[in-house]
Structures are given as structure tokens and as C-alpha cells.
Amino acid sequence: MNKTYEELMPYLEKGMAYQAALTLLEWDEETIAPVQAEEYTANIIGELSDSYMQTLVNEEVKGKLEKLWKEKEWTTLSNVEQANLKEWKKVVQQLESIPQKEYKAYATLIARAGNIWAKAKEKKDFQYFMPTLREIVSYKQKFADYRKKQQKENKKKSRYDILLEEYEPGFTTELLDAFFEKIKEEVVPFLKEITQKCKTIDKSYNEKVYDIEKQRKFCRWISGYLGFDFTKGVIGESAHPFTTNLHNRDVRISNHFYENNLESAIFSAIHETGHAMYEMGISDDITRTLLGTGTSMGMHESQSRFWENVIGRSEAFWKPIYPKLQSFFPEQLGEISLKQFIKGCNKIEPGLIRTEADELSYSLHIMVRYELEKQLISGKCKVEELEELWADKYEELLSVRPKNASEGVLQDIHWAGGDIGYFPSYAIGTAVAAQIYYHLQEVMPLEQYLKEQNLVPIREYLRQHIYQYGKQKSTNELLKEMTGEEFSAEYYIKYLKEKYTKLYC
């Protein structure tokens, strides 16, 4: 190993230890922490975040990074070491542009914001969350401006493009504007057509009373069936299902259960398991480095959406295991045929809640958030206007209007976490999932594997071509090497039209 690189490793190990501690606190806060812990724990998170920043961003680290960046030193490094340094340099550039005092204050604010959002959602009162969100947006605007000022490559970028880069390297608002315009043009009229055909589908079975404990047991079973390794992961419960990890041998997912909505828990479990398998599949040699997570949120979402929708809502997937689900709930599902269940869980019914959305309308939910985030960060709209703007856009795109803030602007936790620029990843990931699906059909008997309950070849193929690399390769690099093409929305449109024409036309 290069001597200078070796000298950098203690800083990285210490930084990743701080990150692991922060992840544990985040998990705890969202799942089992007592309510009164919030204020004190937020201060601890602020201190740890400050220490994380100082560990990875200091003069000694910067000096060694610059030394390694020189050609003579650079050529002595392995591909993994080079990729790690590129990611480290990116982290340094992002963090050093932010005044240390502001970074610590922001981390403390975010640690408190989640509980404030949860209370506001429970009260159905956007004004309760408004001051906190206003403060978060102000920080994100300032941080983007700092990076515009400090980094030459950012000078001509919009604030939103700078924030988007944190989640989707290589994707821009120009590309996304064209992507969403294509979805609007192709999907909206098709959505109206299919919605009419779905009106007669009866899925009242989903609203019967389902014992919560039985739901927990079935969801645990289906996560294991997909490939969740319980020796490397745990499942908890939270207001909003999520996945997090310390490394590839400690991956944690959560779920949420409703007595009168069985599908919600099942498909959340499948979705989060898709995320978890990505993290569990990252190579041991990079898992505790800056490369040791998904390459982008879009690629991460492609895996959760692939397993949740492309696989998890297919008849081939359910054919061998539907009797298992019926055995858990014989009174509710005993008389419901597999075909009725498949039509039910694929029913197109534009609604208000993103996480409950059908595949056809899903990206329209993301479009609402994308448009509002751009306006918010640019300063074209104020936090005070969000609730009404949100409702107007839902009425325009989905012909539904929220009755209160909880089913409207407060339904997602993302802005409370400072994740402005994240939402487009869901639409990108959904499109990437379709692109991967068509590729898998070419290289393996996908439907046959599902009917045989043989998910191993599917998981292994994805591990070999996506998971193991972590952040070593970009989304487009992984897609190009695996499928021969970079990102294309064409497969997504094709997938939706083929699937729903076959189901309902």
C-alpha cells in the first residue's frame, strides 16, 4: 500500500466510526427512542457530526489528499484506492465549503426535525412544522451557495442542481425536466384510460381487519424469502419505513403496519428488503469506507422498486407463495383467487399518498415534489405557500386534492431530514428498474425462476453487476457495463404500457 494512503487510513477509520455511531442514533430515534430523549440526543448528534467533519476535513488530511492526487503518487494506487480518494475529495469539498459552526447547528436541527415533523403530521398542522422547515430550507440554500462560490465546476449550476448531485451524480435538472415531460406526455393519458378500466376491480379484501402480529410474521417471512439475511440485519418499526446500515453486516430496515391495509406492510417489506440486499451485497473490502454504500439513491431505489413492483407485483412471483399468505389470513383471503389478488395489488387508483401509489401514477407524485423543491430552493416560492401549491399540483396531475396537511405536504419525512433533491431518485430508480428487468429477461429465464421459488440466480446476478461495487462505479457506468446502455426512460414507458395493457385491456 502507498505510504501516504496508509497514513490517511486512521482518519478514514475514525470518520467511519463516527458515521456508524450517527447511524445507530438515527435508527434509535426513528424506532425505539423515548420521546423525551429528543433534545439531549440532538445535541449529542451535533457533537458527533462536528467530530466527523473535523476528522475527514482538516489540513493534514487535505495535504495528504493533494499529495496523492499528483500523477506520480496516483499511479501507485489500486482502482479501489483511487475510487476511495475521489469520493473522499468530494466529501472534503462539500464539507469544507460549510462553516463548521453552521454544519454543527444544521446537524443538531436535523436531529430535532424528525420528531417535530411527526407531531405536525399527527396534528395535521403544517404550521407546526413550518418554522423548522423554513430553517432547513435556508441552510440548504446557503450550503448550495457556498459550494457555488468555492468550486469552479459549480459556478454555473443552479442551487438545485448542486443539491441533486449529492443523490444523483451525473443527473441534472435539464435531463430530469425532459424525463418528467416525457412521463407527463406518455403516462398521464394512459393513466386516465387504465383508471377507467380498473373501476370495476374489487379489492375490498385489502381493507378487512388483519391482525398486526400476523402481518409482522408474514412480512418477516417474505423478507427472508427474498434474501434478507437475519444474521446481518434486523427489522424494526417506524412512522415511515426506511433502510439504514453501519456496514454490510449490520443493515436495518423498518416497517409500519395498518390493521385495515395489508398491502401497505407487505410491499413496504419487499421495498425495504430490496434496499437491504443492496447494502448486504457490497464487498467486504470497501464496506467500511466512503465507497461502502449504494452508488446513487436512484440506483438504490431501482433495487427496492425492482423487487417491490417488477417482481413483487407479478403473478409469477406470487404463484408459489400465495397459499402461504392465505394460510396466515384464511378468513380474509381464503376465497380470494390469485388472479383477483394480482389484479387488486396492481389496481390503478390515483390517490394522495406516494408510498401507497400504484405504478402508473407513482412518478406523478414525484413530479409534484420535484417541481416544488426547485421552486423552494430557487426562492421562487416560500415555505408558507407549500401546502396550497402542493394541493393544486395534485389536483392538476392526479385529479385528487388533500383534505389536510397529513395526506398532503406533511406525508413524507424527507424534508425534515434535509433531503431536498432526493425525491427525483424515486422516479429515476423506477425507470432504471424497468431497464434492468428487460435486460434480465434476455440473460436468464426470469419468470421460470420466480415460479420455481429460485431467487438466488436473480440476487446473485444483481450482486455481481451492481451491489458489490458500492460507489466505485456510477449509475450510468453500471448500466452500460451490465445492459450495454446508459439510463433510458424508454424502457420505463414500455414496461408500464405492456404490463397494464396485458392486465386490463
Foldseek 3Di string as FASTA:
>chain_A
DQPLLVVLVVLQLVLLVLVLVLLVLVVCLFFPDDPVCQLVVLLVQLVSQLVSLCSLADDSNVVSLVVCVDPVNVVVDDLVSNLQSVLSVVVNLLSVLDPSVLRSVLSSLLSNLLVQLVVCLVVLHVVSNLVSLQVLLVSLLVSLVSSCVPDVVNVPPDSLQSLLCVFAPPDGVVNVVVLVVVLLVQQQVVLVVLLVLQPPQDPQLQQAFADPVLLVVVLVVVLVLLPDDPQQEDEGAGPDWDWDASFLRYIYTYAYDDRGGSLRRNLSSLLRSLLNLLRNLADPVPGSGSLRHFQHLLQSLLRSLLRSPVQVLDLLQCVVCVVVVCVSPVPSPVPPDSLSVSCNQQRADQDQALSSHHLSCNVLLLVLLLVVLSCSSNVVDDSVCVQVSQQVSCCVRVVDGDPGCSSTVSVDSCSSNSSRSSSVSNVSSLQVNLVVVVLCVVVDVVSVCSNVSNSVVVSVVCSVQGRHRRNSDHQQVSCCVRPVGGRDSVSVSVVVCVVSVVSRD
